[in-house]
PDB file of all heavy atoms in Angstrom:
ATOM      1  N   ARG A   1       0.814  -1.214   0.000  1.00  0.00           N
ATOM      2  CA  ARG A   1       0.000   0.000   0.000  1.00  0.00           C
ATOM      3  C   ARG A   1       0.848   1.263   0.000  1.00  0.00           C
ATOM      4  O   ARG A   1       0.394   2.318  -0.458  1.00  0.00           O
ATOM      5  CB  ARG A   1      -0.925   0.002   1.225  1.00  0.00           C
ATOM      6  CG  ARG A   1      -2.006  -1.069   1.174  1.00  0.00           C
ATOM      7  CD  ARG A   1      -2.784  -1.148   2.475  1.00  0.00           C
ATOM      8  NE  ARG A   1      -1.956  -1.657   3.576  1.00  0.00           N
ATOM      9  CZ  ARG A   1      -2.399  -1.858   4.814  1.00  0.00           C
ATOM     10  NH1 ARG A   1      -3.660  -1.561   5.108  1.00  0.00           N
ATOM     11  NH2 ARG A   1      -1.603  -2.326   5.747  1.00  0.00           N
ATOM     12  N   HIS A   2       2.083   1.177   0.500  1.00  0.00           N
ATOM     13  CA  HIS A   2       2.929   2.372   0.599  1.00  0.00           C
ATOM     14  C   HIS A   2       3.307   2.921  -0.769  1.00  0.00           C
ATOM     15  O   HIS A   2       3.718   4.073  -0.875  1.00  0.00           O
ATOM     16  CB  HIS A   2       4.192   2.061   1.411  1.00  0.00           C
ATOM     17  CG  HIS A   2       4.939   0.856   0.926  1.00  0.00           C
ATOM     18  ND1 HIS A   2       4.687  -0.409   1.394  1.00  0.00           N
ATOM     19  CD2 HIS A   2       5.924   0.731   0.006  1.00  0.00           C
ATOM     20  CE1 HIS A   2       5.493  -1.274   0.791  1.00  0.00           C
ATOM     21  NE2 HIS A   2       6.243  -0.611  -0.056  1.00  0.00           N
ATOM     22  N   TYR A   3       3.232   2.119  -1.838  1.00  0.00           N
ATOM     23  CA  TYR A   3       3.512   2.663  -3.168  1.00  0.00           C
ATOM     24  C   TYR A   3       2.289   2.603  -4.086  1.00  0.00           C
ATOM     25  O   TYR A   3       2.396   2.586  -5.307  1.00  0.00           O
ATOM     26  CB  TYR A   3       4.733   1.994  -3.816  1.00  0.00           C
ATOM     27  CG  TYR A   3       4.636   0.521  -4.110  1.00  0.00           C
ATOM     28  CD1 TYR A   3       4.067   0.054  -5.301  1.00  0.00           C
ATOM     29  CD2 TYR A   3       5.171  -0.412  -3.240  1.00  0.00           C
ATOM     30  CE1 TYR A   3       4.022  -1.302  -5.593  1.00  0.00           C
ATOM     31  CE2 TYR A   3       5.140  -1.764  -3.523  1.00  0.00           C
ATOM     32  CZ  TYR A   3       4.563  -2.202  -4.707  1.00  0.00           C
ATOM     33  OH  TYR A   3       4.526  -3.553  -4.994  1.00  0.00           O
ATOM     34  N   GLY A   4       1.100   2.614  -3.478  1.00  0.00           N
ATOM     35  CA  GLY A   4      -0.131   2.746  -4.241  1.00  0.00           C
ATOM     36  C   GLY A   4      -0.638   1.487  -4.899  1.00  0.00           C
ATOM     37  O   GLY A   4      -1.582   1.540  -5.698  1.00  0.00           O
ATOM     38  N   SER A   5      -0.074   0.321  -4.575  1.00  0.00           N
ATOM     39  CA  SER A   5      -0.535  -0.924  -5.171  1.00  0.00           C
ATOM     40  C   SER A   5      -1.892  -1.318  -4.586  1.00  0.00           C
ATOM     41  O   SER A   5      -2.194  -1.056  -3.422  1.00  0.00           O
ATOM     42  CB  SER A   5       0.478  -2.044  -4.906  1.00  0.00           C
ATOM     43  OG  SER A   5      -0.038  -3.300  -5.316  1.00  0.00           O
ATOM     44  N   THR A   6      -2.700  -1.961  -5.427  1.00  0.00           N
ATOM     45  CA  THR A   6      -4.016  -2.434  -4.971  1.00  0.00           C
ATOM     46  C   THR A   6      -3.967  -3.876  -4.484  1.00  0.00           C
ATOM     47  O   THR A   6      -5.003  -4.428  -4.109  1.00  0.00           O
ATOM     48  CB  THR A   6      -5.042  -2.325  -6.111  1.00  0.00           C
ATOM     49  OG1 THR A   6      -4.576  -3.074  -7.246  1.00  0.00           O
ATOM     50  CG2 THR A   6      -5.242  -0.869  -6.527  1.00  0.00           C
ATOM     51  N   ALA A   7      -2.791  -4.504  -4.477  1.00  0.00           N
ATOM     52  CA  ALA A   7      -2.680  -5.875  -3.973  1.00  0.00           C
ATOM     53  C   ALA A   7      -3.040  -5.905  -2.494  1.00  0.00           C
ATOM     54  O   ALA A   7      -2.549  -5.079  -1.720  1.00  0.00           O
ATOM     55  CB  ALA A   7      -1.265  -6.404  -4.178  1.00  0.00           C
ATOM     56  N   PRO A   8      -3.901  -6.826  -2.072  1.00  0.00           N
ATOM     57  CA  PRO A   8      -4.314  -6.844  -0.659  1.00  0.00           C
ATOM     58  C   PRO A   8      -3.155  -7.194   0.266  1.00  0.00           C
ATOM     59  O   PRO A   8      -2.348  -8.075  -0.046  1.00  0.00           O
ATOM     60  CB  PRO A   8      -5.400  -7.922  -0.616  1.00  0.00           C
ATOM     61  CG  PRO A   8      -5.173  -8.765  -1.826  1.00  0.00           C
ATOM     62  CD  PRO A   8      -4.574  -7.865  -2.858  1.00  0.00           C
ATOM     63  N   PRO A   9      -3.054  -6.524   1.401  1.00  0.00           N
ATOM     64  CA  PRO A   9      -2.000  -6.858   2.370  1.00  0.00           C
ATOM     65  C   PRO A   9      -2.328  -8.152   3.098  1.00  0.00           C
ATOM     66  O   PRO A   9      -3.498  -8.514   3.259  1.00  0.00           O
ATOM     67  CB  PRO A   9      -2.011  -5.669   3.324  1.00  0.00           C
ATOM     68  CG  PRO A   9      -3.428  -5.169   3.274  1.00  0.00           C
ATOM     69  CD  PRO A   9      -3.897  -5.409   1.865  1.00  0.00           C
ATOM     70  N   ALA A  10      -1.305  -8.851   3.550  1.00  0.00           N
ATOM     71  CA  ALA A  10      -1.512 -10.113   4.267  1.00  0.00           C
ATOM     72  C   ALA A  10      -0.278 -10.431   5.091  1.00  0.00           C
ATOM     73  O   ALA A  10       0.830  -9.972   4.793  1.00  0.00           O
ATOM     74  CB  ALA A  10      -1.805 -11.255   3.288  1.00  0.00           C
ATOM     75  N   ALA A  11      -0.480 -11.239   6.130  1.00  0.00           N
ATOM     76  CA  ALA A  11       0.620 -11.676   6.999  1.00  0.00           C
ATOM     77  C   ALA A  11       0.517 -13.177   7.192  1.00  0.00           C
ATOM     78  O   ALA A  11      -0.568 -13.706   7.456  1.00  0.00           O
ATOM     79  CB  ALA A  11       0.568 -10.959   8.341  1.00  0.00           C
ATOM     80  N   PHE A  12       1.640 -13.848   7.055  1.00  0.00           N
ATOM     81  CA  PHE A  12       1.716 -15.302   7.221  1.00  0.00           C
ATOM     82  C   PHE A  12       2.668 -15.596   8.369  1.00  0.00           C
ATOM     83  O   PHE A  12       3.744 -15.008   8.467  1.00  0.00           O
ATOM     84  CB  PHE A  12       2.209 -15.942   5.925  1.00  0.00           C
ATOM     85  CG  PHE A  12       2.682 -17.361   6.066  1.00  0.00           C
ATOM     86  CD1 PHE A  12       1.824 -18.341   6.548  1.00  0.00           C
ATOM     87  CD2 PHE A  12       3.973 -17.727   5.724  1.00  0.00           C
ATOM     88  CE1 PHE A  12       2.247 -19.648   6.680  1.00  0.00           C
ATOM     89  CE2 PHE A  12       4.410 -19.032   5.847  1.00  0.00           C
ATOM     90  CZ  PHE A  12       3.538 -19.993   6.333  1.00  0.00           C
ATOM     91  N   TYR A  13       2.267 -16.512   9.264  1.00  0.00           N
ATOM     92  CA  TYR A  13       3.071 -16.847  10.442  1.00  0.00           C
ATOM     93  C   TYR A  13       3.482 -18.317  10.401  1.00  0.00           C
ATOM     94  O   TYR A  13       2.750 -19.170   9.880  1.00  0.00           O
ATOM     95  CB  TYR A  13       2.285 -16.570  11.719  1.00  0.00           C
ATOM     96  CG  TYR A  13       1.959 -15.107  11.926  1.00  0.00           C
ATOM     97  CD1 TYR A  13       0.872 -14.524  11.290  1.00  0.00           C
ATOM     98  CD2 TYR A  13       2.750 -14.310  12.756  1.00  0.00           C
ATOM     99  CE1 TYR A  13       0.570 -13.183  11.464  1.00  0.00           C
ATOM    100  CE2 TYR A  13       2.456 -12.957  12.936  1.00  0.00           C
ATOM    101  CZ  TYR A  13       1.371 -12.408  12.284  1.00  0.00           C
ATOM    102  OH  TYR A  13       1.080 -11.080  12.458  1.00  0.00           O
ATOM    103  N   LEU A  14       4.623 -18.573  10.982  1.00  0.00           N
ATOM    104  CA  LEU A  14       5.163 -19.935  11.031  1.00  0.00           C
ATOM    105  C   LEU A  14       5.829 -20.132  12.386  1.00  0.00           C
ATOM    106  O   LEU A  14       6.559 -19.252  12.855  1.00  0.00           O
ATOM    107  CB  LEU A  14       6.179 -20.147   9.912  1.00  0.00           C
ATOM    108  CG  LEU A  14       6.804 -21.531   9.790  1.00  0.00           C
ATOM    109  CD1 LEU A  14       5.770 -22.525   9.260  1.00  0.00           C
ATOM    110  CD2 LEU A  14       8.007 -21.493   8.837  1.00  0.00           C
ATOM    111  N   TYR A  15       5.583 -21.279  13.011  1.00  0.00           N
ATOM    112  CA  TYR A  15       6.215 -21.594  14.301  1.00  0.00           C
ATOM    113  C   TYR A  15       7.361 -22.567  14.081  1.00  0.00           C
ATOM    114  O   TYR A  15       7.302 -23.461  13.232  1.00  0.00           O
ATOM    115  CB  TYR A  15       5.207 -22.215  15.263  1.00  0.00           C
ATOM    116  CG  TYR A  15       5.864 -22.737  16.537  1.00  0.00           C
ATOM    117  CD1 TYR A  15       6.186 -21.876  17.579  1.00  0.00           C
ATOM    118  CD2 TYR A  15       6.210 -24.081  16.655  1.00  0.00           C
ATOM    119  CE1 TYR A  15       6.819 -22.337  18.717  1.00  0.00           C
ATOM    120  CE2 TYR A  15       6.845 -24.552  17.790  1.00  0.00           C
ATOM    121  CZ  TYR A  15       7.145 -23.666  18.819  1.00  0.00           C
ATOM    122  OH  TYR A  15       7.787 -24.139  19.940  1.00  0.00           O
ATOM    123  N   SER A  16       8.413 -22.392  14.873  1.00  0.00           N
ATOM    124  CA  SER A  16       9.512 -23.363  14.870  1.00  0.00           C
ATOM    125  C   SER A  16      10.034 -23.514  16.289  1.00  0.00           C
ATOM    126  O   SER A  16       9.900 -22.610  17.119  1.00  0.00           O
ATOM    127  CB  SER A  16      10.649 -22.920  13.939  1.00  0.00           C
ATOM    128  OG  SER A  16      11.277 -21.754  14.433  1.00  0.00           O
ATOM    129  N   ALA A  17      10.635 -24.656  16.563  1.00  0.00           N
ATOM    130  CA  ALA A  17      11.149 -24.931  17.906  1.00  0.00           C
ATOM    131  C   ALA A  17      12.476 -24.248  18.179  1.00  0.00           C
ATOM    132  O   ALA A  17      12.909 -24.173  19.324  1.00  0.00           O
ATOM    133  CB  ALA A  17      11.289 -26.443  18.108  1.00  0.00           C
ATOM    134  N   ASP A  18      13.148 -23.738  17.118  1.00  0.00           N
ATOM    135  CA  ASP A  18      14.432 -23.051  17.304  1.00  0.00           C
ATOM    136  C   ASP A  18      14.580 -21.995  16.211  1.00  0.00           C
ATOM    137  O   ASP A  18      13.656 -21.758  15.424  1.00  0.00           O
ATOM    138  CB  ASP A  18      15.605 -24.049  17.275  1.00  0.00           C
ATOM    139  CG  ASP A  18      15.571 -24.941  16.038  1.00  0.00           C
ATOM    140  OD1 ASP A  18      15.473 -24.387  14.927  1.00  0.00           O
ATOM    141  OD2 ASP A  18      15.635 -26.182  16.177  1.00  0.00           O
ATOM    142  N   ARG A  19      15.751 -21.374  16.143  1.00  0.00           N
ATOM    143  CA  ARG A  19      15.963 -20.271  15.196  1.00  0.00           C
ATOM    144  C   ARG A  19      17.007 -20.617  14.151  1.00  0.00           C
ATOM    145  O   ARG A  19      17.729 -19.752  13.672  1.00  0.00           O
ATOM    146  CB  ARG A  19      16.386 -19.006  15.958  1.00  0.00           C
ATOM    147  CG  ARG A  19      16.057 -17.720  15.206  1.00  0.00           C
ATOM    148  CD  ARG A  19      16.741 -16.511  15.798  1.00  0.00           C
ATOM    149  NE  ARG A  19      16.305 -15.278  15.146  1.00  0.00           N
ATOM    150  CZ  ARG A  19      16.965 -14.137  15.172  1.00  0.00           C
ATOM    151  NH1 ARG A  19      18.121 -14.058  15.805  1.00  0.00           N
ATOM    152  NH2 ARG A  19      16.503 -13.060  14.547  1.00  0.00           N
ATOM    153  N   THR A  20      17.094 -21.862  13.743  1.00  0.00           N
ATOM    154  CA  THR A  20      18.055 -22.237  12.721  1.00  0.00           C
ATOM    155  C   THR A  20      17.631 -21.692  11.366  1.00  0.00           C
ATOM    156  O   THR A  20      16.453 -21.394  11.121  1.00  0.00           O
ATOM    157  CB  THR A  20      18.192 -23.768  12.645  1.00  0.00           C
ATOM    158  OG1 THR A  20      16.885 -24.351  12.450  1.00  0.00           O
ATOM    159  CG2 THR A  20      18.777 -24.327  13.939  1.00  0.00           C
ATOM    160  N   ALA A  21      18.606 -21.589  10.458  1.00  0.00           N
ATOM    161  CA  ALA A  21      18.363 -20.966   9.153  1.00  0.00           C
ATOM    162  C   ALA A  21      17.318 -21.712   8.330  1.00  0.00           C
ATOM    163  O   ALA A  21      16.624 -21.101   7.513  1.00  0.00           O
ATOM    164  CB  ALA A  21      19.679 -20.894   8.377  1.00  0.00           C
ATOM    165  N   GLU A  22      17.182 -23.009   8.546  1.00  0.00           N
ATOM    166  CA  GLU A  22      16.230 -23.777   7.741  1.00  0.00           C
ATOM    167  C   GLU A  22      14.799 -23.279   7.920  1.00  0.00           C
ATOM    168  O   GLU A  22      13.985 -23.330   6.995  1.00  0.00           O
ATOM    169  CB  GLU A  22      16.310 -25.264   8.097  1.00  0.00           C
ATOM    170  CG  GLU A  22      15.935 -25.585   9.543  1.00  0.00           C
ATOM    171  CD  GLU A  22      16.057 -27.069   9.848  1.00  0.00           C
ATOM    172  OE1 GLU A  22      15.301 -27.862   9.256  1.00  0.00           O
ATOM    173  OE2 GLU A  22      16.913 -27.418  10.687  1.00  0.00           O
ATOM    174  N   HIS A  23      14.475 -22.769   9.106  1.00  0.00           N
ATOM    175  CA  HIS A  23      13.120 -22.262   9.337  1.00  0.00           C
ATOM    176  C   HIS A  23      12.913 -20.925   8.632  1.00  0.00           C
ATOM    177  O   HIS A  23      11.821 -20.651   8.130  1.00  0.00           O
ATOM    178  CB  HIS A  23      12.871 -22.126  10.836  1.00  0.00           C
ATOM    179  CG  HIS A  23      13.044 -23.407  11.589  1.00  0.00           C
ATOM    180  ND1 HIS A  23      12.314 -24.551  11.296  1.00  0.00           N
ATOM    181  CD2 HIS A  23      13.872 -23.747  12.614  1.00  0.00           C
ATOM    182  CE1 HIS A  23      12.676 -25.517  12.112  1.00  0.00           C
ATOM    183  NE2 HIS A  23      13.623 -25.063  12.912  1.00  0.00           N
ATOM    184  N   ALA A  24      13.953 -20.093   8.592  1.00  0.00           N
ATOM    185  CA  ALA A  24      13.864 -18.844   7.837  1.00  0.00           C
ATOM    186  C   ALA A  24      13.655 -19.138   6.353  1.00  0.00           C
ATOM    187  O   ALA A  24      12.866 -18.475   5.670  1.00  0.00           O
ATOM    188  CB  ALA A  24      15.122 -18.010   8.046  1.00  0.00           C
ATOM    189  N   HIS A  25      14.327 -20.161   5.863  1.00  0.00           N
ATOM    190  CA  HIS A  25      14.180 -20.541   4.457  1.00  0.00           C
ATOM    191  C   HIS A  25      12.797 -21.145   4.206  1.00  0.00           C
ATOM    192  O   HIS A  25      12.212 -20.923   3.142  1.00  0.00           O
ATOM    193  CB  HIS A  25      15.275 -21.527   4.065  1.00  0.00           C
ATOM    194  CG  HIS A  25      16.643 -20.906   4.017  1.00  0.00           C
ATOM    195  ND1 HIS A  25      17.648 -21.355   3.197  1.00  0.00           N
ATOM    196  CD2 HIS A  25      17.177 -19.844   4.683  1.00  0.00           C
ATOM    197  CE1 HIS A  25      18.733 -20.629   3.353  1.00  0.00           C
ATOM    198  NE2 HIS A  25      18.476 -19.704   4.274  1.00  0.00           N
ATOM    199  N   ALA A  26      12.274 -21.908   5.156  1.00  0.00           N
ATOM    200  CA  ALA A  26      10.933 -22.478   5.005  1.00  0.00           C
ATOM    201  C   ALA A  26       9.873 -21.378   4.974  1.00  0.00           C
ATOM    202  O   ALA A  26       8.903 -21.454   4.210  1.00  0.00           O
ATOM    203  CB  ALA A  26      10.645 -23.454   6.144  1.00  0.00           C
ATOM    204  N   LEU A  27      10.062 -20.346   5.792  1.00  0.00           N
ATOM    205  CA  LEU A  27       9.121 -19.229   5.817  1.00  0.00           C
ATOM    206  C   LEU A  27       9.032 -18.561   4.458  1.00  0.00           C
ATOM    207  O   LEU A  27       7.933 -18.199   4.002  1.00  0.00           O
ATOM    208  CB  LEU A  27       9.572 -18.207   6.868  1.00  0.00           C
ATOM    209  CG  LEU A  27       8.751 -16.920   6.965  1.00  0.00           C
ATOM    210  CD1 LEU A  27       7.439 -17.183   7.695  1.00  0.00           C
ATOM    211  CD2 LEU A  27       9.540 -15.823   7.683  1.00  0.00           C
ATOM    212  N   LEU A  28      10.161 -18.420   3.776  1.00  0.00           N
ATOM    213  CA  LEU A  28      10.226 -17.657   2.532  1.00  0.00           C
ATOM    214  C   LEU A  28      10.366 -18.539   1.303  1.00  0.00           C
ATOM    215  O   LEU A  28      10.777 -18.080   0.240  1.00  0.00           O
ATOM    216  CB  LEU A  28      11.396 -16.671   2.612  1.00  0.00           C
ATOM    217  CG  LEU A  28      11.310 -15.677   3.783  1.00  0.00           C
ATOM    218  CD1 LEU A  28      12.627 -14.948   3.962  1.00  0.00           C
ATOM    219  CD2 LEU A  28      10.178 -14.692   3.555  1.00  0.00           C
ATOM    220  N   LYS A  29      10.004 -19.808   1.444  1.00  0.00           N
ATOM    221  CA  LYS A  29      10.117 -20.740   0.322  1.00  0.00           C
ATOM    222  C   LYS A  29       9.254 -20.278  -0.851  1.00  0.00           C
ATOM    223  O   LYS A  29       8.063 -20.014  -0.692  1.00  0.00           O
ATOM    224  CB  LYS A  29       9.675 -22.137   0.767  1.00  0.00           C
ATOM    225  CG  LYS A  29       9.812 -23.194  -0.314  1.00  0.00           C
ATOM    226  CD  LYS A  29       9.372 -24.553   0.203  1.00  0.00           C
ATOM    227  CE  LYS A  29       9.519 -25.630  -0.866  1.00  0.00           C
ATOM    228  NZ  LYS A  29       9.065 -26.956  -0.360  1.00  0.00           N
ATOM    229  N   GLY A  30       9.863 -20.158  -2.017  1.00  0.00           N
ATOM    230  CA  GLY A  30       9.118 -19.734  -3.201  1.00  0.00           C
ATOM    231  C   GLY A  30       9.114 -18.233  -3.418  1.00  0.00           C
ATOM    232  O   GLY A  30       8.618 -17.760  -4.439  1.00  0.00           O
ATOM    233  N   CYS A  31       9.658 -17.459  -2.465  1.00  0.00           N
ATOM    234  CA  CYS A  31       9.693 -16.002  -2.627  1.00  0.00           C
ATOM    235  C   CYS A  31      10.786 -15.604  -3.613  1.00  0.00           C
ATOM    236  O   CYS A  31      11.839 -16.241  -3.691  1.00  0.00           O
ATOM    237  CB  CYS A  31       9.953 -15.320  -1.281  1.00  0.00           C
ATOM    238  SG  CYS A  31       8.599 -15.451  -0.110  1.00  0.00           S
ATOM    239  N   SER A  32      10.550 -14.527  -4.319  1.00  0.00           N
ATOM    240  CA  SER A  32      11.567 -13.951  -5.193  1.00  0.00           C
ATOM    241  C   SER A  32      11.362 -12.445  -5.225  1.00  0.00           C
ATOM    242  O   SER A  32      10.237 -11.964  -5.081  1.00  0.00           O
ATOM    243  CB  SER A  32      11.478 -14.535  -6.609  1.00  0.00           C
ATOM    244  OG  SER A  32      10.207 -14.237  -7.189  1.00  0.00           O
ATOM    245  N   GLY A  33      12.456 -11.711  -5.411  1.00  0.00           N
ATOM    246  CA  GLY A  33      12.353 -10.256  -5.418  1.00  0.00           C
ATOM    247  C   GLY A  33      13.203  -9.657  -4.326  1.00  0.00           C
ATOM    248  O   GLY A  33      14.415  -9.855  -4.287  1.00  0.00           O
ATOM    249  N   HIS A  34      12.578  -8.918  -3.414  1.00  0.00           N
ATOM    250  CA  HIS A  34      13.303  -8.217  -2.354  1.00  0.00           C
ATOM    251  C   HIS A  34      12.772  -8.613  -0.984  1.00  0.00           C
ATOM    252  O   HIS A  34      11.563  -8.781  -0.807  1.00  0.00           O
ATOM    253  CB  HIS A  34      13.180  -6.701  -2.519  1.00  0.00           C
ATOM    254  CG  HIS A  34      13.856  -6.175  -3.755  1.00  0.00           C
ATOM    255  ND1 HIS A  34      13.247  -6.182  -5.002  1.00  0.00           N
ATOM    256  CD2 HIS A  34      15.100  -5.634  -3.932  1.00  0.00           C
ATOM    257  CE1 HIS A  34      14.072  -5.659  -5.888  1.00  0.00           C
ATOM    258  NE2 HIS A  34      15.207  -5.319  -5.271  1.00  0.00           N
ATOM    259  N   LEU A  35      13.687  -8.732  -0.030  1.00  0.00           N
ATOM    260  CA  LEU A  35      13.328  -9.090   1.338  1.00  0.00           C
ATOM    261  C   LEU A  35      13.758  -7.996   2.300  1.00  0.00           C
ATOM    262  O   LEU A  35      14.941  -7.677   2.415  1.00  0.00           O
ATOM    263  CB  LEU A  35      13.998 -10.411   1.740  1.00  0.00           C
ATOM    264  CG  LEU A  35      13.854 -10.803   3.218  1.00  0.00           C
ATOM    265  CD1 LEU A  35      12.382 -11.030   3.578  1.00  0.00           C
ATOM    266  CD2 LEU A  35      14.679 -12.037   3.535  1.00  0.00           C
ATOM    267  N   HIS A  36      12.775  -7.391   3.002  1.00  0.00           N
ATOM    268  CA  HIS A  36      13.064  -6.465   4.090  1.00  0.00           C
ATOM    269  C   HIS A  36      13.244  -7.286   5.363  1.00  0.00           C
ATOM    270  O   HIS A  36      12.330  -8.026   5.747  1.00  0.00           O
ATOM    271  CB  HIS A  36      11.917  -5.478   4.302  1.00  0.00           C
ATOM    272  CG  HIS A  36      11.657  -4.565   3.140  1.00  0.00           C
ATOM    273  ND1 HIS A  36      11.018  -4.983   1.996  1.00  0.00           N
ATOM    274  CD2 HIS A  36      11.944  -3.248   2.966  1.00  0.00           C
ATOM    275  CE1 HIS A  36      10.918  -3.957   1.160  1.00  0.00           C
ATOM    276  NE2 HIS A  36      11.468  -2.900   1.723  1.00  0.00           N
TER     277      HIS A  36
END
């Protein structure tokens, strides 16, 4: 919305038992472009 797009906003959550990198990768699986 900050740049005027009409794409609906959404939030996706994922639980993991620890903070290893594999969970970060699972969260963003299939993403492409830019990551804040």
